[in-house]
Each structure stands twice: as C-alpha cells, then as structure tokens.
Amino acid sequence: MEYSIGEVAKKLNLTTSTLRYYDKEGLIPFVKRNDSGIRTFSDEDLNSLHIIECLKNTGMPIKDIKTFIDWCAEGDSTLKERYDMFVERKKLVEEQMANLQTTLDTINYKCEYYKDALEASSDKIHYHKISQDLPKSSCTKSQQL
C-alpha cells in the first residue's frame, strides 16, 4: 500500500514538515516520488520511520541517525556497527529509565508525605522523619520542600 506524506504524518503523529526535514537531511532516501514529484511511502517506509523516531527518542542526534541510515544502505558489511549502535542505545535508555524510576520514587514519596500532612492538616507530623526515608535522588535536597 502507498501513503501520502499527510497520511504518514498522521499515522506516526509527526508533522509533514518533519518528514520533509528528514528527507532534506537524507534520513529517508528510500522514499519514492511519483511522476509529479510527490513523495509516496510504503509500509516498509513506515517501519523505517518508526526506527528513526525510536532513535530520535533516545536522544540520538540527526547526524548519527543519518550514519545509521547510510550503514543500512551499505548492507551486510555494516551489521557489526549497527548492532553496536543499538547495544549502546539500549544501555543509554536503561540508564534513563533508572534515573526516571528514582525520580518517580521520590515523587511517590512526596505524594505520600503531603497526603499524610493534608490528613493531619499539618506537615509537622513529618518532622520526626529522617532524610534516610527519602529515596536516593539528586532532586531531593530537603525533606521540608
């Protein structure tokens, strides 16, 4: 099946200008154009765009995504580079997730803290708590906040 740029934008929750930018930056060299010069996308193109968005969501710079696209075009000789890149991305995302879990633990702690304080109509009930009760996080400097 073939899709227009507008259909792809809608399916992937992107803007058409983002897709045009990807084209300009060489991220979607696989996309075909019809006789009128209008981009047409296949289901396989949608899968490739999904991978591009995945990499972008890890914080990978566009130039590095372009390198990945180039490796794909080169074929099997770059399998090791592509594998190593995804292993690196996986490690990075796992670190991000661990940091987010620590942040969520702190937020959950503070939700309970303020829920108890609201029920008691005062946060003085928490003065006896020690800072060791707080989840370990760089975003918590004081239990009084």
N, C-alpha and C. Protein backbone atom coordinates (compact mmCIF):
# COMPACT_ATOMS: atom_id res chain seq x y z
N MET A 1 0.85 -1.18 0.00
CA MET A 1 0.00 0.00 0.00
C MET A 1 0.89 1.25 0.00
N GLU A 2 0.43 2.29 -0.64
CA GLU A 2 1.17 3.55 -0.67
C GLU A 2 0.43 4.62 0.11
N TYR A 3 1.22 5.47 0.76
CA TYR A 3 0.67 6.52 1.60
C TYR A 3 1.24 7.88 1.16
N SER A 4 0.44 8.90 1.32
CA SER A 4 0.90 10.26 1.07
C SER A 4 1.65 10.75 2.30
N ILE A 5 2.34 11.85 2.15
CA ILE A 5 3.08 12.43 3.28
C ILE A 5 2.12 12.80 4.42
N GLY A 6 0.93 13.29 4.07
CA GLY A 6 -0.05 13.64 5.09
C GLY A 6 -0.54 12.42 5.85
N GLU A 7 -0.76 11.33 5.13
CA GLU A 7 -1.21 10.09 5.78
C GLU A 7 -0.13 9.55 6.72
N VAL A 8 1.12 9.60 6.27
CA VAL A 8 2.23 9.12 7.10
C VAL A 8 2.37 10.00 8.34
N ALA A 9 2.28 11.29 8.15
CA ALA A 9 2.38 12.22 9.28
C ALA A 9 1.32 11.89 10.32
N LYS A 10 0.11 11.65 9.86
CA LYS A 10 -0.98 11.34 10.78
C LYS A 10 -0.75 10.00 11.48
N LYS A 11 -0.34 8.98 10.72
CA LYS A 11 -0.12 7.65 11.28
C LYS A 11 0.98 7.66 12.34
N LEU A 12 2.03 8.45 12.12
CA LEU A 12 3.18 8.45 13.02
C LEU A 12 3.18 9.62 14.00
N ASN A 13 2.11 10.41 13.96
CA ASN A 13 2.00 11.57 14.85
C ASN A 13 3.19 12.53 14.66
N LEU A 14 3.49 12.78 13.40
CA LEU A 14 4.54 13.72 13.03
C LEU A 14 3.92 14.83 12.19
N THR A 15 4.67 15.85 11.94
CA THR A 15 4.21 16.88 11.02
C THR A 15 4.78 16.60 9.64
N THR A 16 4.12 17.11 8.62
CA THR A 16 4.65 16.94 7.28
C THR A 16 5.98 17.67 7.14
N SER A 17 6.13 18.77 7.86
CA SER A 17 7.42 19.49 7.79
C SER A 17 8.55 18.66 8.40
N THR A 18 8.25 17.86 9.42
CA THR A 18 9.26 16.96 9.99
C THR A 18 9.68 15.94 8.95
N LEU A 19 8.71 15.37 8.25
CA LEU A 19 9.03 14.39 7.21
C LEU A 19 9.84 15.02 6.08
N ARG A 20 9.49 16.24 5.71
CA ARG A 20 10.26 16.93 4.68
C ARG A 20 11.69 17.21 5.16
N TYR A 21 11.82 17.57 6.42
CA TYR A 21 13.15 17.80 7.01
C TYR A 21 13.96 16.50 6.98
N TYR A 22 13.35 15.38 7.37
CA TYR A 22 14.03 14.09 7.32
C TYR A 22 14.51 13.80 5.89
N ASP A 23 13.67 14.11 4.93
CA ASP A 23 14.04 13.90 3.53
C ASP A 23 15.24 14.78 3.17
N LYS A 24 15.18 16.05 3.54
CA LYS A 24 16.26 17.00 3.25
C LYS A 24 17.57 16.56 3.89
N GLU A 25 17.50 15.98 5.09
CA GLU A 25 18.70 15.55 5.82
C GLU A 25 19.19 14.17 5.38
N GLY A 26 18.48 13.54 4.45
CA GLY A 26 18.90 12.25 3.94
C GLY A 26 18.52 11.06 4.80
N LEU A 27 17.56 11.26 5.70
CA LEU A 27 17.15 10.18 6.59
C LEU A 27 16.18 9.20 5.92
N ILE A 28 15.55 9.63 4.84
CA ILE A 28 14.58 8.76 4.19
C ILE A 28 14.85 8.66 2.69
N PRO A 29 16.06 8.21 2.33
CA PRO A 29 16.38 8.12 0.91
C PRO A 29 15.57 7.04 0.20
N PHE A 30 14.95 6.18 0.96
CA PHE A 30 14.18 5.08 0.42
C PHE A 30 12.81 5.51 -0.09
N VAL A 31 12.36 6.69 0.28
CA VAL A 31 11.03 7.17 -0.12
C VAL A 31 11.04 7.50 -1.61
N LYS A 32 10.02 7.04 -2.27
CA LYS A 32 9.90 7.26 -3.72
C LYS A 32 9.06 8.50 -4.00
N ARG A 33 9.23 9.02 -5.20
CA ARG A 33 8.42 10.15 -5.66
C ARG A 33 7.70 9.71 -6.93
N ASN A 34 6.46 10.15 -7.04
CA ASN A 34 5.72 9.82 -8.27
C ASN A 34 6.13 10.78 -9.39
N ASP A 35 5.49 10.66 -10.55
CA ASP A 35 5.84 11.49 -11.71
C ASP A 35 5.69 12.99 -11.43
N SER A 36 4.83 13.34 -10.48
CA SER A 36 4.62 14.75 -10.14
C SER A 36 5.60 15.23 -9.06
N GLY A 37 6.47 14.33 -8.60
CA GLY A 37 7.44 14.71 -7.56
C GLY A 37 6.89 14.59 -6.16
N ILE A 38 5.71 14.02 -6.02
CA ILE A 38 5.08 13.88 -4.69
C ILE A 38 5.61 12.61 -4.03
N ARG A 39 6.02 12.74 -2.76
CA ARG A 39 6.54 11.60 -2.01
C ARG A 39 5.43 10.57 -1.79
N THR A 40 5.80 9.30 -1.97
CA THR A 40 4.88 8.21 -1.64
C THR A 40 5.62 7.25 -0.72
N PHE A 41 4.94 6.78 0.30
CA PHE A 41 5.53 5.94 1.33
C PHE A 41 4.89 4.56 1.31
N SER A 42 5.71 3.54 1.54
CA SER A 42 5.22 2.16 1.62
C SER A 42 5.14 1.75 3.09
N ASP A 43 4.58 0.56 3.32
CA ASP A 43 4.55 0.03 4.69
C ASP A 43 5.97 -0.14 5.23
N GLU A 44 6.89 -0.57 4.38
CA GLU A 44 8.29 -0.72 4.79
C GLU A 44 8.88 0.64 5.18
N ASP A 45 8.52 1.69 4.44
CA ASP A 45 8.98 3.04 4.77
C ASP A 45 8.47 3.46 6.15
N LEU A 46 7.23 3.09 6.46
CA LEU A 46 6.67 3.41 7.78
C LEU A 46 7.48 2.72 8.88
N ASN A 47 7.87 1.47 8.63
CA ASN A 47 8.69 0.75 9.61
C ASN A 47 10.04 1.45 9.79
N SER A 48 10.65 1.89 8.71
CA SER A 48 11.93 2.61 8.80
C SER A 48 11.76 3.92 9.56
N LEU A 49 10.68 4.63 9.30
CA LEU A 49 10.41 5.88 10.02
C LEU A 49 10.19 5.62 11.51
N HIS A 50 9.59 4.50 11.83
CA HIS A 50 9.40 4.13 13.24
C HIS A 50 10.76 3.97 13.92
N ILE A 51 11.70 3.33 13.25
CA ILE A 51 13.06 3.16 13.81
C ILE A 51 13.74 4.51 13.96
N ILE A 52 13.59 5.37 12.97
CA ILE A 52 14.17 6.73 13.05
C ILE A 52 13.61 7.46 14.27
N GLU A 53 12.30 7.38 14.47
CA GLU A 53 11.68 8.04 15.63
C GLU A 53 12.16 7.42 16.93
N CYS A 54 12.32 6.11 16.94
CA CYS A 54 12.83 5.42 18.13
C CYS A 54 14.22 5.95 18.48
N LEU A 55 15.09 6.02 17.50
CA LEU A 55 16.44 6.52 17.74
C LEU A 55 16.42 7.98 18.19
N LYS A 56 15.57 8.76 17.57
CA LYS A 56 15.44 10.17 17.95
C LYS A 56 14.98 10.28 19.40
N ASN A 57 14.06 9.41 19.81
CA ASN A 57 13.55 9.43 21.18
C ASN A 57 14.60 9.05 22.22
N THR A 58 15.67 8.40 21.79
CA THR A 58 16.76 8.10 22.71
C THR A 58 17.71 9.28 22.87
N GLY A 59 17.47 10.33 22.09
CA GLY A 59 18.33 11.49 22.14
C GLY A 59 19.43 11.46 21.10
N MET A 60 19.36 10.50 20.19
CA MET A 60 20.41 10.39 19.17
C MET A 60 20.32 11.58 18.22
N PRO A 61 21.45 12.23 17.96
CA PRO A 61 21.45 13.36 17.02
C PRO A 61 21.12 12.91 15.59
N ILE A 62 20.54 13.81 14.83
CA ILE A 62 20.16 13.54 13.45
C ILE A 62 21.35 13.04 12.64
N LYS A 63 22.53 13.63 12.84
CA LYS A 63 23.70 13.21 12.06
C LYS A 63 24.05 11.76 12.34
N ASP A 64 23.86 11.30 13.57
CA ASP A 64 24.13 9.90 13.90
C ASP A 64 23.06 8.97 13.34
N ILE A 65 21.82 9.45 13.30
CA ILE A 65 20.76 8.67 12.66
C ILE A 65 21.07 8.53 11.18
N LYS A 66 21.56 9.60 10.58
CA LYS A 66 21.94 9.58 9.17
C LYS A 66 23.04 8.54 8.94
N THR A 67 23.99 8.47 9.84
CA THR A 67 25.06 7.46 9.74
C THR A 67 24.45 6.06 9.76
N PHE A 68 23.48 5.84 10.65
CA PHE A 68 22.80 4.54 10.70
C PHE A 68 22.10 4.23 9.37
N ILE A 69 21.41 5.22 8.82
CA ILE A 69 20.71 5.04 7.54
C ILE A 69 21.73 4.69 6.45
N ASP A 70 22.86 5.37 6.47
CA ASP A 70 23.91 5.08 5.49
C ASP A 70 24.44 3.65 5.66
N TRP A 71 24.63 3.23 6.91
CA TRP A 71 25.08 1.86 7.16
C TRP A 71 24.07 0.85 6.59
N CYS A 72 22.79 1.13 6.80
CA CYS A 72 21.75 0.23 6.27
C CYS A 72 21.87 0.12 4.75
N ALA A 73 22.12 1.25 4.08
CA ALA A 73 22.24 1.26 2.63
C ALA A 73 23.49 0.50 2.16
N GLU A 74 24.51 0.48 3.01
CA GLU A 74 25.74 -0.22 2.65
C GLU A 74 25.58 -1.73 2.71
N GLY A 75 24.61 -2.20 3.46
CA GLY A 75 24.36 -3.63 3.51
C GLY A 75 25.05 -4.36 4.64
N ASP A 76 25.25 -5.65 4.43
CA ASP A 76 25.73 -6.55 5.48
C ASP A 76 27.11 -6.21 6.02
N SER A 77 27.90 -5.48 5.28
CA SER A 77 29.25 -5.14 5.76
C SER A 77 29.21 -4.25 7.00
N THR A 78 28.05 -3.66 7.31
CA THR A 78 27.94 -2.75 8.47
C THR A 78 27.08 -3.35 9.58
N LEU A 79 26.81 -4.64 9.53
CA LEU A 79 25.98 -5.26 10.57
C LEU A 79 26.56 -5.05 11.97
N LYS A 80 27.86 -5.19 12.12
CA LYS A 80 28.50 -5.03 13.44
C LYS A 80 28.33 -3.61 13.95
N GLU A 81 28.52 -2.62 13.10
CA GLU A 81 28.34 -1.22 13.52
C GLU A 81 26.90 -0.97 13.96
N ARG A 82 25.95 -1.50 13.21
CA ARG A 82 24.55 -1.29 13.55
C ARG A 82 24.20 -1.99 14.87
N TYR A 83 24.71 -3.20 15.04
CA TYR A 83 24.48 -3.92 16.29
C TYR A 83 25.05 -3.14 17.47
N ASP A 84 26.31 -2.72 17.35
CA ASP A 84 26.96 -1.97 18.43
C ASP A 84 26.20 -0.69 18.75
N MET A 85 25.69 -0.02 17.72
CA MET A 85 24.94 1.20 17.94
C MET A 85 23.68 0.93 18.77
N PHE A 86 22.97 -0.15 18.45
CA PHE A 86 21.75 -0.46 19.20
C PHE A 86 22.07 -0.92 20.62
N VAL A 87 23.18 -1.62 20.82
CA VAL A 87 23.59 -2.01 22.17
C VAL A 87 23.87 -0.75 23.00
N GLU A 88 24.55 0.22 22.38
CA GLU A 88 24.83 1.49 23.06
C GLU A 88 23.53 2.23 23.39
N ARG A 89 22.62 2.28 22.44
CA ARG A 89 21.32 2.95 22.67
C ARG A 89 20.56 2.27 23.79
N LYS A 90 20.59 0.93 23.81
CA LYS A 90 19.88 0.17 24.85
C LYS A 90 20.42 0.53 26.23
N LYS A 91 21.75 0.57 26.34
CA LYS A 91 22.37 0.92 27.62
C LYS A 91 21.95 2.32 28.05
N LEU A 92 21.97 3.26 27.11
CA LEU A 92 21.57 4.63 27.41
C LEU A 92 20.12 4.70 27.89
N VAL A 93 19.23 4.01 27.21
CA VAL A 93 17.81 4.04 27.58
C VAL A 93 17.61 3.38 28.95
N GLU A 94 18.33 2.30 29.23
CA GLU A 94 18.23 1.67 30.55
C GLU A 94 18.67 2.63 31.65
N GLU A 95 19.73 3.40 31.40
CA GLU A 95 20.18 4.40 32.37
C GLU A 95 19.13 5.49 32.55
N GLN A 96 18.53 5.94 31.45
CA GLN A 96 17.47 6.95 31.52
C GLN A 96 16.28 6.42 32.32
N MET A 97 15.94 5.17 32.09
CA MET A 97 14.81 4.57 32.81
C MET A 97 15.10 4.45 34.30
N ALA A 98 16.33 4.10 34.66
CA ALA A 98 16.70 4.00 36.08
C ALA A 98 16.62 5.38 36.74
N ASN A 99 17.09 6.40 36.03
CA ASN A 99 17.00 7.77 36.56
C ASN A 99 15.55 8.20 36.72
N LEU A 100 14.73 7.87 35.74
CA LEU A 100 13.30 8.21 35.83
C LEU A 100 12.62 7.44 36.97
N GLN A 101 13.03 6.18 37.20
CA GLN A 101 12.45 5.41 38.30
C GLN A 101 12.79 6.05 39.64
N THR A 102 14.03 6.51 39.78
CA THR A 102 14.43 7.19 41.01
C THR A 102 13.61 8.47 41.20
N THR A 103 13.42 9.20 40.13
CA THR A 103 12.61 10.42 40.19
C THR A 103 11.17 10.07 40.57
N LEU A 104 10.61 9.03 39.97
CA LEU A 104 9.25 8.61 40.30
C LEU A 104 9.15 8.16 41.75
N ASP A 105 10.16 7.44 42.25
CA ASP A 105 10.15 7.03 43.66
C ASP A 105 10.10 8.25 44.58
N THR A 106 10.86 9.27 44.25
CA THR A 106 10.87 10.49 45.05
C THR A 106 9.51 11.19 44.99
N ILE A 107 8.94 11.27 43.81
CA ILE A 107 7.62 11.90 43.66
C ILE A 107 6.57 11.11 44.43
N ASN A 108 6.62 9.79 44.36
CA ASN A 108 5.68 8.96 45.12
C ASN A 108 5.83 9.19 46.61
N TYR A 109 7.07 9.29 47.07
CA TYR A 109 7.33 9.55 48.47
C TYR A 109 6.70 10.88 48.89
N LYS A 110 6.94 11.91 48.07
CA LYS A 110 6.40 13.23 48.41
C LYS A 110 4.88 13.26 48.32
N CYS A 111 4.29 12.49 47.44
CA CYS A 111 2.83 12.40 47.38
C CYS A 111 2.29 11.84 48.70
N GLU A 112 2.92 10.79 49.18
CA GLU A 112 2.51 10.20 50.46
C GLU A 112 2.75 11.18 51.61
N TYR A 113 3.88 11.85 51.55
CA TYR A 113 4.23 12.85 52.56
C TYR A 113 3.13 13.91 52.67
N TYR A 114 2.76 14.47 51.50
CA TYR A 114 1.77 15.54 51.54
C TYR A 114 0.36 15.01 51.75
N LYS A 115 0.08 13.81 51.35
CA LYS A 115 -1.23 13.19 51.64
C LYS A 115 -1.40 13.06 53.16
N ASP A 116 -0.36 12.54 53.84
CA ASP A 116 -0.41 12.42 55.30
C ASP A 116 -0.52 13.79 55.96
N ALA A 117 0.24 14.76 55.44
CA ALA A 117 0.19 16.11 56.01
C ALA A 117 -1.19 16.73 55.83
N LEU A 118 -1.80 16.52 54.67
CA LEU A 118 -3.16 17.04 54.45
C LEU A 118 -4.16 16.41 55.40
N GLU A 119 -4.05 15.10 55.60
CA GLU A 119 -4.97 14.41 56.51
C GLU A 119 -4.81 14.91 57.95
N ALA A 120 -3.57 15.28 58.31
CA ALA A 120 -3.30 15.79 59.66
C ALA A 120 -3.43 17.31 59.73
N SER A 121 -3.68 17.94 58.58
CA SER A 121 -3.76 19.41 58.48
C SER A 121 -2.46 20.09 58.90
N SER A 122 -1.36 19.39 58.80
CA SER A 122 -0.06 19.97 59.14
C SER A 122 1.05 19.04 58.65
N ASP A 123 2.15 19.63 58.21
CA ASP A 123 3.27 18.77 57.85
C ASP A 123 4.21 18.58 59.03
N LYS A 124 3.85 19.11 60.19
CA LYS A 124 4.65 18.91 61.40
C LYS A 124 4.70 17.44 61.80
N ILE A 125 3.75 16.65 61.33
CA ILE A 125 3.76 15.22 61.66
C ILE A 125 4.98 14.53 61.06
N HIS A 126 5.62 15.16 60.10
CA HIS A 126 6.76 14.56 59.44
C HIS A 126 8.11 15.02 60.00
N TYR A 127 8.10 15.92 60.94
CA TYR A 127 9.37 16.44 61.45
C TYR A 127 10.24 15.35 62.05
N HIS A 128 9.62 14.29 62.51
CA HIS A 128 10.39 13.21 63.12
C HIS A 128 11.06 12.30 62.08
N LYS A 129 10.62 12.41 60.83
CA LYS A 129 11.20 11.57 59.78
C LYS A 129 12.62 12.04 59.49
N ILE A 130 13.48 11.10 59.21
CA ILE A 130 14.85 11.45 58.90
C ILE A 130 15.05 11.38 57.39
N SER A 131 16.09 12.04 56.92
CA SER A 131 16.31 12.13 55.48
C SER A 131 16.58 10.77 54.85
N GLN A 132 16.93 9.77 55.66
CA GLN A 132 17.15 8.43 55.12
C GLN A 132 15.86 7.83 54.56
N ASP A 133 14.71 8.36 54.95
CA ASP A 133 13.44 7.86 54.44
C ASP A 133 13.23 8.23 52.97
N LEU A 134 13.93 9.28 52.55
CA LEU A 134 13.78 9.73 51.17
C LEU A 134 14.44 8.75 50.21
N PRO A 135 13.83 8.51 49.06
CA PRO A 135 14.52 7.73 48.02
C PRO A 135 15.78 8.47 47.60
N LYS A 136 16.81 7.73 47.27
CA LYS A 136 18.07 8.34 46.86
C LYS A 136 17.88 9.00 45.49
N SER A 137 18.04 10.32 45.46
CA SER A 137 17.83 11.06 44.23
C SER A 137 18.52 12.40 44.33
N SER A 138 19.01 12.86 43.21
CA SER A 138 19.66 14.17 43.19
C SER A 138 18.63 15.30 43.25
N CYS A 139 17.36 14.97 43.05
CA CYS A 139 16.36 16.04 43.02
C CYS A 139 15.76 16.29 44.40
N THR A 140 16.22 15.59 45.45
CA THR A 140 15.70 15.83 46.79
C THR A 140 16.82 16.30 47.69
N LYS A 141 16.78 17.56 48.04
CA LYS A 141 17.80 18.15 48.89
C LYS A 141 17.32 18.23 50.34
N SER A 142 16.02 18.39 50.51
CA SER A 142 15.49 18.58 51.85
C SER A 142 14.11 17.96 51.93
N GLN A 143 13.84 17.32 53.05
CA GLN A 143 12.52 16.73 53.21
C GLN A 143 11.47 17.81 53.47
N GLN A 144 11.90 19.02 53.79
CA GLN A 144 10.96 20.10 54.06
C GLN A 144 10.34 20.69 52.80
N LEU A 145 10.91 20.44 51.63
CA LEU A 145 10.40 21.04 50.39
C LEU A 145 9.06 20.46 50.00
